[in-house]
Amino acid sequence: MANLVLKHYWRSSCSWRVRWALALKGLAYQSEHIDLLQGEQQRASFRRQNPQALVPVLVVDGVPYYESLAIIEWLDERYPHTPLLPSTPAERIQARQLAYMVSCGIQPLQNMNAQRYYSNDPQARSRYARHYIERGFEAYEQRLQQLGAGTFCLGGQITIADICLIPQVYNAQRFACNLRQFPLIASIYRRGRQTPACRASAPEACKP
């Protein structure tokens, strides 16, 4: 078993993705909290591990890795029990599509760095984040309809798609998005939040 150290922020959706994957696979790790509001991600010691100055960073036997989806796919390859990607190529591309819709299309536009660049006004920042989350969720909801979403995004098992979606819905609630427009997303969120690994990795369970 590798020695795992997770450097993360409790409310970061990208950090939550990796915490959730670790919880699903039952992997123990040392937790190191990086306070984004205090600028700890800008410290030289942290930037040496991730030049982007972003969380999470998973240190594996002393070697740092970053980008949440790359970490999750590495975990799935290294620890294949409780797979986070479906078994067939067709299902895997569907899972990746949904995951990338969040990780590449929604989350970067509403993260703290983008908001700070956009405006110094907290209300303007919230409107900005809400606009891009709701616009992204419109497309995501349509894709779920096309795929015939079940209990979760792709049937009855949690996949990388749910691991990306549910933290993003948590963010959407923080920014007062109208989730009534997205009934499939809202129902998957409610069910996902009830699962043990999700509860164990959620922000409220990991706040320092």
N, C-alpha and C. Protein backbone atom coordinates (compact mmCIF):
# COMPACT_ATOMS: atom_id res chain seq x y z
N MET A 1 0.85 -1.20 0.00
CA MET A 1 0.00 0.00 0.00
C MET A 1 0.88 1.24 0.00
N ALA A 2 0.63 2.15 -0.91
CA ALA A 2 1.41 3.38 -0.99
C ALA A 2 1.09 4.29 0.19
N ASN A 3 2.04 5.13 0.54
CA ASN A 3 1.81 6.16 1.55
C ASN A 3 1.18 7.36 0.85
N LEU A 4 -0.04 7.72 1.24
CA LEU A 4 -0.81 8.76 0.57
C LEU A 4 -0.99 9.95 1.49
N VAL A 5 -0.69 11.14 0.97
CA VAL A 5 -0.94 12.39 1.68
C VAL A 5 -1.79 13.26 0.75
N LEU A 6 -2.94 13.68 1.22
CA LEU A 6 -3.82 14.52 0.42
C LEU A 6 -3.77 15.95 0.94
N LYS A 7 -3.35 16.86 0.08
CA LYS A 7 -3.34 18.28 0.41
C LYS A 7 -4.58 18.89 -0.25
N HIS A 8 -5.47 19.44 0.57
CA HIS A 8 -6.79 19.79 0.07
C HIS A 8 -7.39 20.92 0.89
N TYR A 9 -8.47 21.48 0.36
CA TYR A 9 -9.25 22.50 1.08
C TYR A 9 -10.64 21.93 1.29
N TRP A 10 -11.19 22.12 2.46
CA TRP A 10 -12.43 21.43 2.84
C TRP A 10 -13.59 21.72 1.90
N ARG A 11 -13.69 22.96 1.37
CA ARG A 11 -14.85 23.31 0.55
C ARG A 11 -14.56 23.26 -0.94
N SER A 12 -13.38 22.89 -1.32
CA SER A 12 -13.03 22.78 -2.74
C SER A 12 -13.73 21.57 -3.36
N SER A 13 -14.46 21.81 -4.46
CA SER A 13 -15.15 20.69 -5.11
C SER A 13 -14.14 19.72 -5.73
N CYS A 14 -13.02 20.24 -6.23
CA CYS A 14 -12.00 19.34 -6.79
C CYS A 14 -11.40 18.46 -5.70
N SER A 15 -11.20 19.03 -4.52
CA SER A 15 -10.70 18.24 -3.39
C SER A 15 -11.71 17.18 -2.98
N TRP A 16 -12.98 17.57 -2.96
CA TRP A 16 -14.04 16.62 -2.58
C TRP A 16 -14.04 15.43 -3.53
N ARG A 17 -13.85 15.67 -4.82
CA ARG A 17 -13.83 14.55 -5.78
C ARG A 17 -12.82 13.50 -5.35
N VAL A 18 -11.61 13.95 -5.02
CA VAL A 18 -10.55 13.00 -4.69
C VAL A 18 -10.81 12.36 -3.33
N ARG A 19 -11.26 13.14 -2.35
CA ARG A 19 -11.62 12.54 -1.06
C ARG A 19 -12.67 11.44 -1.23
N TRP A 20 -13.65 11.70 -2.08
CA TRP A 20 -14.73 10.73 -2.31
C TRP A 20 -14.18 9.47 -2.96
N ALA A 21 -13.31 9.63 -3.96
CA ALA A 21 -12.72 8.46 -4.61
C ALA A 21 -11.92 7.64 -3.61
N LEU A 22 -11.15 8.30 -2.77
CA LEU A 22 -10.39 7.58 -1.75
C LEU A 22 -11.31 6.85 -0.78
N ALA A 23 -12.40 7.50 -0.41
CA ALA A 23 -13.36 6.86 0.51
C ALA A 23 -14.02 5.66 -0.13
N LEU A 24 -14.41 5.77 -1.38
CA LEU A 24 -15.04 4.64 -2.07
C LEU A 24 -14.11 3.43 -2.13
N LYS A 25 -12.83 3.70 -2.28
CA LYS A 25 -11.86 2.61 -2.39
C LYS A 25 -11.31 2.18 -1.03
N GLY A 26 -11.76 2.85 0.03
CA GLY A 26 -11.32 2.47 1.36
C GLY A 26 -9.85 2.70 1.61
N LEU A 27 -9.29 3.74 1.00
CA LEU A 27 -7.86 3.99 1.11
C LEU A 27 -7.59 5.01 2.22
N ALA A 28 -6.69 4.65 3.11
CA ALA A 28 -6.30 5.57 4.18
C ALA A 28 -5.29 6.58 3.65
N TYR A 29 -5.36 7.80 4.16
CA TYR A 29 -4.42 8.83 3.73
C TYR A 29 -4.24 9.84 4.86
N GLN A 30 -3.12 10.51 4.81
CA GLN A 30 -2.87 11.61 5.73
C GLN A 30 -3.45 12.88 5.13
N SER A 31 -4.20 13.62 5.91
CA SER A 31 -4.86 14.84 5.43
C SER A 31 -4.05 16.07 5.82
N GLU A 32 -3.81 16.93 4.83
CA GLU A 32 -3.13 18.21 5.08
C GLU A 32 -4.00 19.32 4.50
N HIS A 33 -4.54 20.14 5.37
CA HIS A 33 -5.46 21.19 4.94
C HIS A 33 -4.69 22.40 4.41
N ILE A 34 -5.07 22.86 3.22
CA ILE A 34 -4.49 24.05 2.60
C ILE A 34 -5.58 25.12 2.59
N ASP A 35 -5.39 26.16 3.36
CA ASP A 35 -6.41 27.21 3.49
C ASP A 35 -6.31 28.18 2.31
N LEU A 36 -7.22 28.04 1.37
CA LEU A 36 -7.19 28.88 0.18
C LEU A 36 -7.48 30.34 0.52
N LEU A 37 -8.34 30.57 1.50
CA LEU A 37 -8.71 31.95 1.84
C LEU A 37 -7.53 32.69 2.48
N GLN A 38 -6.63 31.94 3.09
CA GLN A 38 -5.44 32.54 3.69
C GLN A 38 -4.25 32.54 2.72
N GLY A 39 -4.47 32.03 1.50
CA GLY A 39 -3.42 32.05 0.48
C GLY A 39 -2.32 31.03 0.68
N GLU A 40 -2.60 29.96 1.43
CA GLU A 40 -1.55 28.97 1.69
C GLU A 40 -1.10 28.25 0.41
N GLN A 41 -1.98 28.23 -0.60
CA GLN A 41 -1.63 27.60 -1.87
C GLN A 41 -0.53 28.36 -2.62
N GLN A 42 -0.28 29.59 -2.22
CA GLN A 42 0.74 30.40 -2.89
C GLN A 42 2.12 30.25 -2.25
N ARG A 43 2.22 29.52 -1.17
CA ARG A 43 3.53 29.33 -0.54
C ARG A 43 4.48 28.58 -1.48
N ALA A 44 5.74 28.96 -1.41
CA ALA A 44 6.73 28.35 -2.30
C ALA A 44 6.78 26.84 -2.13
N SER A 45 6.64 26.36 -0.90
CA SER A 45 6.70 24.92 -0.66
C SER A 45 5.56 24.18 -1.36
N PHE A 46 4.37 24.83 -1.40
CA PHE A 46 3.25 24.19 -2.08
C PHE A 46 3.40 24.31 -3.59
N ARG A 47 3.84 25.47 -4.08
CA ARG A 47 3.99 25.66 -5.53
C ARG A 47 5.06 24.74 -6.12
N ARG A 48 6.00 24.32 -5.32
CA ARG A 48 6.98 23.35 -5.82
C ARG A 48 6.30 22.01 -6.10
N GLN A 49 5.22 21.73 -5.39
CA GLN A 49 4.49 20.48 -5.63
C GLN A 49 3.43 20.63 -6.70
N ASN A 50 2.84 21.81 -6.81
CA ASN A 50 1.89 22.09 -7.88
C ASN A 50 2.10 23.53 -8.34
N PRO A 51 2.78 23.75 -9.46
CA PRO A 51 3.05 25.10 -9.94
C PRO A 51 1.79 25.91 -10.22
N GLN A 52 0.65 25.24 -10.38
CA GLN A 52 -0.62 25.94 -10.61
C GLN A 52 -1.15 26.59 -9.33
N ALA A 53 -0.61 26.19 -8.19
CA ALA A 53 -1.10 26.68 -6.89
C ALA A 53 -2.59 26.38 -6.71
N LEU A 54 -2.95 25.14 -7.01
CA LEU A 54 -4.34 24.69 -6.89
C LEU A 54 -4.38 23.41 -6.07
N VAL A 55 -5.51 23.18 -5.42
CA VAL A 55 -5.75 21.91 -4.74
C VAL A 55 -6.74 21.10 -5.58
N PRO A 56 -6.68 19.76 -5.41
CA PRO A 56 -5.88 18.98 -4.48
C PRO A 56 -4.53 18.57 -5.06
N VAL A 57 -3.65 18.16 -4.17
CA VAL A 57 -2.41 17.47 -4.53
C VAL A 57 -2.39 16.17 -3.74
N LEU A 58 -2.18 15.07 -4.44
CA LEU A 58 -2.04 13.77 -3.78
C LEU A 58 -0.56 13.39 -3.85
N VAL A 59 0.07 13.28 -2.70
CA VAL A 59 1.48 12.90 -2.63
C VAL A 59 1.54 11.39 -2.39
N VAL A 60 2.13 10.68 -3.34
CA VAL A 60 2.20 9.22 -3.31
C VAL A 60 3.65 8.81 -3.11
N ASP A 61 3.94 8.26 -1.94
CA ASP A 61 5.31 7.87 -1.62
C ASP A 61 6.29 9.01 -1.90
N GLY A 62 5.87 10.22 -1.53
CA GLY A 62 6.73 11.39 -1.66
C GLY A 62 6.66 12.10 -2.99
N VAL A 63 5.91 11.56 -3.95
CA VAL A 63 5.81 12.16 -5.28
C VAL A 63 4.45 12.84 -5.42
N PRO A 64 4.41 14.16 -5.73
CA PRO A 64 3.13 14.86 -5.81
C PRO A 64 2.47 14.71 -7.18
N TYR A 65 1.14 14.55 -7.14
CA TYR A 65 0.33 14.51 -8.36
C TYR A 65 -0.84 15.47 -8.17
N TYR A 66 -1.24 16.12 -9.27
CA TYR A 66 -2.34 17.06 -9.19
C TYR A 66 -3.25 16.91 -10.40
N GLU A 67 -4.29 17.72 -10.46
CA GLU A 67 -5.44 17.61 -11.37
C GLU A 67 -6.33 16.45 -10.89
N SER A 68 -7.50 16.81 -10.39
CA SER A 68 -8.34 15.84 -9.69
C SER A 68 -8.73 14.64 -10.55
N LEU A 69 -9.07 14.86 -11.81
CA LEU A 69 -9.51 13.72 -12.62
C LEU A 69 -8.34 12.81 -12.98
N ALA A 70 -7.15 13.38 -13.16
CA ALA A 70 -5.97 12.55 -13.38
C ALA A 70 -5.70 11.69 -12.15
N ILE A 71 -5.85 12.29 -10.97
CA ILE A 71 -5.65 11.53 -9.73
C ILE A 71 -6.68 10.40 -9.62
N ILE A 72 -7.95 10.72 -9.92
CA ILE A 72 -9.01 9.72 -9.80
C ILE A 72 -8.77 8.55 -10.76
N GLU A 73 -8.36 8.86 -11.98
CA GLU A 73 -8.11 7.77 -12.94
C GLU A 73 -6.89 6.96 -12.51
N TRP A 74 -5.87 7.62 -11.95
CA TRP A 74 -4.72 6.87 -11.43
C TRP A 74 -5.16 5.94 -10.31
N LEU A 75 -5.99 6.45 -9.38
CA LEU A 75 -6.50 5.62 -8.29
C LEU A 75 -7.25 4.41 -8.85
N ASP A 76 -8.02 4.62 -9.92
CA ASP A 76 -8.79 3.52 -10.49
C ASP A 76 -7.87 2.47 -11.11
N GLU A 77 -6.76 2.92 -11.69
CA GLU A 77 -5.82 1.98 -12.29
C GLU A 77 -5.00 1.26 -11.22
N ARG A 78 -4.58 1.99 -10.20
CA ARG A 78 -3.72 1.41 -9.15
C ARG A 78 -4.54 0.53 -8.21
N TYR A 79 -5.77 0.93 -7.93
CA TYR A 79 -6.63 0.21 -6.99
C TYR A 79 -7.96 -0.09 -7.71
N PRO A 80 -7.99 -1.13 -8.54
CA PRO A 80 -9.15 -1.34 -9.41
C PRO A 80 -10.43 -1.81 -8.72
N HIS A 81 -10.35 -2.17 -7.42
CA HIS A 81 -11.59 -2.54 -6.74
C HIS A 81 -12.48 -1.30 -6.63
N THR A 82 -13.79 -1.52 -6.59
CA THR A 82 -14.77 -0.42 -6.61
C THR A 82 -14.46 0.53 -7.76
N PRO A 83 -14.58 0.06 -9.00
CA PRO A 83 -14.19 0.90 -10.15
C PRO A 83 -15.04 2.16 -10.27
N LEU A 84 -14.39 3.24 -10.68
CA LEU A 84 -15.05 4.53 -10.84
C LEU A 84 -15.37 4.83 -12.29
N LEU A 85 -14.90 3.98 -13.18
CA LEU A 85 -15.26 4.05 -14.60
C LEU A 85 -15.98 2.77 -14.98
N PRO A 86 -17.01 2.86 -15.82
CA PRO A 86 -17.76 1.65 -16.22
C PRO A 86 -16.88 0.68 -16.98
N SER A 87 -17.45 -0.49 -17.26
CA SER A 87 -16.65 -1.59 -17.81
C SER A 87 -16.47 -1.54 -19.32
N THR A 88 -17.39 -0.90 -20.07
CA THR A 88 -17.30 -0.92 -21.52
C THR A 88 -16.80 0.42 -22.05
N PRO A 89 -16.15 0.41 -23.22
CA PRO A 89 -15.66 1.67 -23.81
C PRO A 89 -16.78 2.69 -24.03
N ALA A 90 -17.95 2.24 -24.47
CA ALA A 90 -19.06 3.16 -24.71
C ALA A 90 -19.50 3.84 -23.42
N GLU A 91 -19.58 3.06 -22.36
CA GLU A 91 -19.99 3.63 -21.07
C GLU A 91 -18.89 4.52 -20.48
N ARG A 92 -17.64 4.13 -20.71
CA ARG A 92 -16.55 4.94 -20.17
C ARG A 92 -16.50 6.32 -20.82
N ILE A 93 -16.72 6.40 -22.12
CA ILE A 93 -16.69 7.71 -22.76
C ILE A 93 -17.88 8.55 -22.28
N GLN A 94 -19.01 7.91 -22.02
CA GLN A 94 -20.15 8.66 -21.48
C GLN A 94 -19.84 9.22 -20.10
N ALA A 95 -19.20 8.40 -19.27
CA ALA A 95 -18.83 8.86 -17.93
C ALA A 95 -17.83 10.01 -18.01
N ARG A 96 -16.85 9.88 -18.89
CA ARG A 96 -15.86 10.95 -19.04
C ARG A 96 -16.49 12.21 -19.61
N GLN A 97 -17.40 12.06 -20.57
CA GLN A 97 -18.10 13.23 -21.09
C GLN A 97 -18.75 14.04 -19.97
N LEU A 98 -19.50 13.36 -19.13
CA LEU A 98 -20.21 14.04 -18.05
C LEU A 98 -19.22 14.64 -17.05
N ALA A 99 -18.16 13.90 -16.74
CA ALA A 99 -17.17 14.43 -15.80
C ALA A 99 -16.50 15.68 -16.35
N TYR A 100 -16.16 15.67 -17.65
CA TYR A 100 -15.48 16.81 -18.24
C TYR A 100 -16.43 18.01 -18.42
N MET A 101 -17.71 17.74 -18.59
CA MET A 101 -18.66 18.86 -18.67
C MET A 101 -18.60 19.71 -17.41
N VAL A 102 -18.39 19.03 -16.27
CA VAL A 102 -18.26 19.76 -15.00
C VAL A 102 -16.85 20.29 -14.83
N SER A 103 -15.86 19.40 -14.96
CA SER A 103 -14.49 19.77 -14.58
C SER A 103 -13.85 20.75 -15.55
N CYS A 104 -14.27 20.72 -16.81
CA CYS A 104 -13.69 21.62 -17.81
C CYS A 104 -14.63 22.76 -18.20
N GLY A 105 -15.95 22.50 -18.14
CA GLY A 105 -16.90 23.48 -18.67
C GLY A 105 -17.58 24.36 -17.65
N ILE A 106 -17.75 23.85 -16.42
CA ILE A 106 -18.49 24.61 -15.40
C ILE A 106 -17.57 25.09 -14.29
N GLN A 107 -16.89 24.17 -13.64
CA GLN A 107 -16.16 24.50 -12.42
C GLN A 107 -15.10 25.58 -12.61
N PRO A 108 -14.30 25.56 -13.68
CA PRO A 108 -13.27 26.60 -13.80
C PRO A 108 -13.84 28.01 -13.91
N LEU A 109 -15.04 28.14 -14.47
CA LEU A 109 -15.62 29.46 -14.67
C LEU A 109 -16.20 30.05 -13.39
N GLN A 110 -16.43 29.21 -12.39
CA GLN A 110 -17.01 29.71 -11.14
C GLN A 110 -16.07 29.58 -9.96
N ASN A 111 -14.82 29.19 -10.21
CA ASN A 111 -13.93 29.01 -9.07
C ASN A 111 -13.43 30.35 -8.54
N MET A 112 -12.76 30.30 -7.43
CA MET A 112 -12.38 31.51 -6.72
C MET A 112 -11.49 32.44 -7.55
N ASN A 113 -10.54 31.87 -8.29
CA ASN A 113 -9.66 32.69 -9.09
C ASN A 113 -10.42 33.46 -10.17
N ALA A 114 -11.35 32.77 -10.85
CA ALA A 114 -12.13 33.43 -11.89
C ALA A 114 -13.02 34.51 -11.31
N GLN A 115 -13.64 34.24 -10.18
CA GLN A 115 -14.51 35.24 -9.56
C GLN A 115 -13.73 36.48 -9.14
N ARG A 116 -12.56 36.28 -8.55
CA ARG A 116 -11.75 37.41 -8.10
C ARG A 116 -11.30 38.27 -9.28
N TYR A 117 -10.99 37.64 -10.38
CA TYR A 117 -10.57 38.39 -11.56
C TYR A 117 -11.75 39.17 -12.14
N TYR A 118 -12.93 38.57 -12.06
CA TYR A 118 -14.12 39.19 -12.65
C TYR A 118 -14.53 40.45 -11.91
N SER A 119 -14.56 40.41 -10.58
CA SER A 119 -15.09 41.54 -9.82
C SER A 119 -14.62 41.48 -8.37
N ASN A 120 -14.60 42.66 -7.73
CA ASN A 120 -14.38 42.75 -6.29
C ASN A 120 -15.68 42.76 -5.50
N ASP A 121 -16.81 42.80 -6.22
CA ASP A 121 -18.12 42.89 -5.58
C ASP A 121 -18.66 41.49 -5.33
N PRO A 122 -18.89 41.08 -4.08
CA PRO A 122 -19.38 39.72 -3.80
C PRO A 122 -20.67 39.38 -4.52
N GLN A 123 -21.59 40.34 -4.64
CA GLN A 123 -22.86 40.06 -5.31
C GLN A 123 -22.64 39.83 -6.80
N ALA A 124 -21.75 40.62 -7.40
CA ALA A 124 -21.45 40.42 -8.82
C ALA A 124 -20.78 39.07 -9.04
N ARG A 125 -19.92 38.69 -8.12
CA ARG A 125 -19.27 37.38 -8.23
C ARG A 125 -20.30 36.26 -8.19
N SER A 126 -21.26 36.37 -7.29
CA SER A 126 -22.29 35.33 -7.19
C SER A 126 -23.13 35.25 -8.46
N ARG A 127 -23.48 36.40 -9.02
CA ARG A 127 -24.27 36.39 -10.27
C ARG A 127 -23.47 35.74 -11.39
N TYR A 128 -22.21 36.06 -11.45
CA TYR A 128 -21.31 35.49 -12.46
C TYR A 128 -21.24 33.97 -12.33
N ALA A 129 -21.00 33.48 -11.11
CA ALA A 129 -20.93 32.04 -10.88
C ALA A 129 -22.25 31.37 -11.20
N ARG A 130 -23.35 31.98 -10.75
CA ARG A 130 -24.68 31.40 -10.97
C ARG A 130 -24.97 31.28 -12.47
N HIS A 131 -24.59 32.29 -13.24
CA HIS A 131 -24.83 32.27 -14.69
C HIS A 131 -24.16 31.06 -15.33
N TYR A 132 -22.88 30.84 -15.02
CA TYR A 132 -22.16 29.77 -15.69
C TYR A 132 -22.54 28.39 -15.16
N ILE A 133 -22.88 28.29 -13.91
CA ILE A 133 -23.35 27.00 -13.39
C ILE A 133 -24.67 26.62 -14.04
N GLU A 134 -25.63 27.54 -14.06
CA GLU A 134 -26.94 27.21 -14.62
C GLU A 134 -26.84 26.95 -16.12
N ARG A 135 -26.00 27.70 -16.82
CA ARG A 135 -25.83 27.44 -18.25
C ARG A 135 -25.25 26.04 -18.47
N GLY A 136 -24.27 25.65 -17.66
CA GLY A 136 -23.70 24.32 -17.79
C GLY A 136 -24.67 23.23 -17.40
N PHE A 137 -25.47 23.48 -16.37
CA PHE A 137 -26.44 22.48 -15.93
C PHE A 137 -27.55 22.26 -16.98
N GLU A 138 -27.87 23.27 -17.75
CA GLU A 138 -28.87 23.09 -18.81
C GLU A 138 -28.40 22.00 -19.78
N ALA A 139 -27.15 22.07 -20.19
CA ALA A 139 -26.61 21.06 -21.10
C ALA A 139 -26.48 19.70 -20.41
N TYR A 140 -26.07 19.73 -19.15
CA TYR A 140 -25.88 18.48 -18.41
C TYR A 140 -27.21 17.76 -18.23
N GLU A 141 -28.26 18.50 -17.89
CA GLU A 141 -29.58 17.90 -17.72
C GLU A 141 -30.06 17.27 -19.02
N GLN A 142 -29.83 17.93 -20.13
CA GLN A 142 -30.21 17.38 -21.43
C GLN A 142 -29.46 16.08 -21.72
N ARG A 143 -28.18 16.07 -21.37
CA ARG A 143 -27.39 14.86 -21.61
C ARG A 143 -27.89 13.72 -20.73
N LEU A 144 -28.24 13.99 -19.50
CA LEU A 144 -28.81 12.94 -18.64
C LEU A 144 -30.11 12.39 -19.23
N GLN A 145 -30.93 13.27 -19.77
CA GLN A 145 -32.17 12.82 -20.42
C GLN A 145 -31.86 11.90 -21.59
N GLN A 146 -30.87 12.26 -22.40
CA GLN A 146 -30.50 11.44 -23.56
C GLN A 146 -29.99 10.06 -23.14
N LEU A 147 -29.25 10.04 -22.03
CA LEU A 147 -28.66 8.78 -21.57
C LEU A 147 -29.62 7.93 -20.75
N GLY A 148 -30.77 8.51 -20.38
CA GLY A 148 -31.72 7.78 -19.56
C GLY A 148 -31.18 7.52 -18.17
N ALA A 149 -30.75 8.58 -17.50
CA ALA A 149 -30.11 8.46 -16.18
C ALA A 149 -30.99 7.67 -15.22
N GLY A 150 -30.34 6.88 -14.38
CA GLY A 150 -31.05 6.07 -13.41
C GLY A 150 -30.90 6.63 -12.01
N THR A 151 -30.55 5.76 -11.07
CA THR A 151 -30.32 6.21 -9.70
C THR A 151 -29.23 7.28 -9.67
N PHE A 152 -28.18 7.02 -10.45
CA PHE A 152 -27.08 7.97 -10.58
C PHE A 152 -26.91 8.32 -12.05
N CYS A 153 -25.84 8.99 -12.39
CA CYS A 153 -25.71 9.52 -13.76
C CYS A 153 -25.77 8.42 -14.81
N LEU A 154 -25.15 7.27 -14.50
CA LEU A 154 -25.08 6.19 -15.49
C LEU A 154 -25.54 4.88 -14.85
N GLY A 155 -26.80 4.87 -14.43
CA GLY A 155 -27.36 3.65 -13.84
C GLY A 155 -27.33 3.65 -12.34
N GLY A 156 -27.04 2.48 -11.76
CA GLY A 156 -27.18 2.32 -10.32
C GLY A 156 -25.91 2.43 -9.53
N GLN A 157 -24.75 2.67 -10.20
CA GLN A 157 -23.47 2.73 -9.51
C GLN A 157 -22.87 4.12 -9.61
N ILE A 158 -22.21 4.54 -8.53
CA ILE A 158 -21.47 5.79 -8.55
C ILE A 158 -20.30 5.67 -9.52
N THR A 159 -20.13 6.67 -10.38
CA THR A 159 -18.98 6.71 -11.28
C THR A 159 -18.30 8.07 -11.16
N ILE A 160 -17.27 8.25 -11.95
CA ILE A 160 -16.55 9.51 -11.97
C ILE A 160 -17.47 10.68 -12.32
N ALA A 161 -18.55 10.38 -13.06
CA ALA A 161 -19.51 11.44 -13.40
C ALA A 161 -20.19 11.98 -12.16
N ASP A 162 -20.66 11.11 -11.29
CA ASP A 162 -21.31 11.54 -10.04
C ASP A 162 -20.32 12.24 -9.12
N ILE A 163 -19.08 11.74 -9.10
CA ILE A 163 -18.06 12.31 -8.24
C ILE A 163 -17.76 13.76 -8.63
N CYS A 164 -17.97 14.09 -9.90
CA CYS A 164 -17.81 15.48 -10.34
C CYS A 164 -19.11 16.27 -10.16
N LEU A 165 -20.24 15.66 -10.45
CA LEU A 165 -21.51 16.40 -10.43
C LEU A 165 -21.90 16.84 -9.02
N ILE A 166 -21.86 15.96 -8.07
CA ILE A 166 -22.44 16.26 -6.75
C ILE A 166 -21.71 17.38 -6.03
N PRO A 167 -20.37 17.43 -6.04
CA PRO A 167 -19.72 18.62 -5.48
C PRO A 167 -20.08 19.91 -6.21
N GLN A 168 -20.32 19.81 -7.53
CA GLN A 168 -20.72 21.01 -8.27
C GLN A 168 -22.11 21.47 -7.87
N VAL A 169 -23.01 20.54 -7.59
CA VAL A 169 -24.34 20.93 -7.12
C VAL A 169 -24.24 21.60 -5.75
N TYR A 170 -23.37 21.09 -4.91
CA TYR A 170 -23.11 21.74 -3.62
C TYR A 170 -22.71 23.20 -3.84
N ASN A 171 -21.82 23.44 -4.78
CA ASN A 171 -21.44 24.82 -5.11
C ASN A 171 -22.63 25.61 -5.63
N ALA A 172 -23.43 24.97 -6.47
CA ALA A 172 -24.61 25.66 -7.03
C ALA A 172 -25.53 26.14 -5.93
N GLN A 173 -25.70 25.34 -4.90
CA GLN A 173 -26.53 25.76 -3.77
C GLN A 173 -25.92 26.94 -3.05
N ARG A 174 -24.61 26.96 -2.91
CA ARG A 174 -23.95 28.09 -2.26
C ARG A 174 -24.20 29.39 -3.03
N PHE A 175 -24.32 29.29 -4.34
CA PHE A 175 -24.53 30.48 -5.16
C PHE A 175 -26.01 30.70 -5.50
N ALA A 176 -26.89 30.01 -4.79
CA ALA A 176 -28.34 30.20 -4.91
C ALA A 176 -28.86 29.94 -6.31
N CYS A 177 -28.31 28.92 -6.97
CA CYS A 177 -28.84 28.53 -8.28
C CYS A 177 -30.23 27.91 -8.11
N ASN A 178 -31.04 28.06 -9.13
CA ASN A 178 -32.39 27.50 -9.12
C ASN A 178 -32.33 26.06 -9.62
N LEU A 179 -32.27 25.11 -8.73
CA LEU A 179 -32.13 23.71 -9.10
C LEU A 179 -33.44 23.08 -9.52
N ARG A 180 -34.55 23.77 -9.32
CA ARG A 180 -35.84 23.21 -9.75
C ARG A 180 -35.90 23.03 -11.26
N GLN A 181 -35.06 23.78 -11.97
CA GLN A 181 -35.01 23.64 -13.43
C GLN A 181 -34.35 22.34 -13.87
N PHE A 182 -33.67 21.67 -12.93
CA PHE A 182 -32.85 20.52 -13.28
C PHE A 182 -33.23 19.32 -12.41
N PRO A 183 -34.40 18.73 -12.65
CA PRO A 183 -34.89 17.68 -11.75
C PRO A 183 -34.02 16.43 -11.71
N LEU A 184 -33.42 16.05 -12.84
CA LEU A 184 -32.56 14.86 -12.82
C LEU A 184 -31.30 15.12 -12.00
N ILE A 185 -30.69 16.26 -12.22
CA ILE A 185 -29.50 16.63 -11.45
C ILE A 185 -29.83 16.67 -9.96
N ALA A 186 -30.96 17.31 -9.61
CA ALA A 186 -31.33 17.44 -8.21
C ALA A 186 -31.59 16.09 -7.56
N SER A 187 -32.22 15.17 -8.29
CA SER A 187 -32.52 13.86 -7.70
C SER A 187 -31.25 13.03 -7.52
N ILE A 188 -30.33 13.10 -8.47
CA ILE A 188 -29.05 12.39 -8.33
C ILE A 188 -28.27 12.96 -7.15
N TYR A 189 -28.32 14.26 -6.99
CA TYR A 189 -27.63 14.90 -5.87
C TYR A 189 -28.18 14.39 -4.54
N ARG A 190 -29.50 14.34 -4.41
CA ARG A 190 -30.11 13.89 -3.15
C ARG A 190 -29.70 12.46 -2.84
N ARG A 191 -29.74 11.61 -3.84
CA ARG A 191 -29.39 10.20 -3.59
C ARG A 191 -27.89 10.04 -3.31
N GLY A 192 -27.08 10.75 -4.06
CA GLY A 192 -25.64 10.64 -3.87
C GLY A 192 -25.21 11.09 -2.49
N ARG A 193 -25.83 12.16 -2.01
CA ARG A 193 -25.46 12.71 -0.71
C ARG A 193 -25.78 11.76 0.44
N GLN A 194 -26.65 10.79 0.19
CA GLN A 194 -27.02 9.84 1.22
C GLN A 194 -26.07 8.65 1.31
N THR A 195 -25.15 8.53 0.36
CA THR A 195 -24.25 7.37 0.36
C THR A 195 -23.13 7.58 1.39
N PRO A 196 -22.67 6.52 2.03
CA PRO A 196 -21.69 6.66 3.10
C PRO A 196 -20.39 7.34 2.69
N ALA A 197 -19.84 6.96 1.53
CA ALA A 197 -18.56 7.55 1.11
C ALA A 197 -18.71 9.03 0.80
N CYS A 198 -19.86 9.40 0.27
CA CYS A 198 -20.10 10.82 0.00
C CYS A 198 -20.18 11.59 1.30
N ARG A 199 -20.91 11.06 2.26
CA ARG A 199 -21.03 11.75 3.55
C ARG A 199 -19.67 11.90 4.23
N ALA A 200 -18.85 10.84 4.15
CA ALA A 200 -17.56 10.87 4.82
C ALA A 200 -16.59 11.87 4.19
N SER A 201 -16.76 12.14 2.91
CA SER A 201 -15.82 13.01 2.19
C SER A 201 -16.35 14.43 1.98
N ALA A 202 -17.59 14.69 2.41
CA ALA A 202 -18.25 15.97 2.15
C ALA A 202 -17.59 17.10 2.93
N PRO A 203 -17.77 18.34 2.49
CA PRO A 203 -17.14 19.48 3.16
C PRO A 203 -17.43 19.55 4.66
N GLU A 204 -18.67 19.31 5.03
CA GLU A 204 -19.02 19.45 6.45
C GLU A 204 -18.32 18.41 7.32
N ALA A 205 -17.92 17.28 6.71
CA ALA A 205 -17.20 16.25 7.45
C ALA A 205 -15.69 16.49 7.48
N CYS A 206 -15.21 17.42 6.65
CA CYS A 206 -13.77 17.61 6.49
C CYS A 206 -13.31 19.02 6.86
N LYS A 207 -14.23 19.83 7.39
CA LYS A 207 -13.84 21.18 7.77
C LYS A 207 -12.89 21.11 8.97
N PRO A 208 -11.74 21.79 8.90
CA PRO A 208 -10.78 21.69 10.01
C PRO A 208 -11.27 22.43 11.26
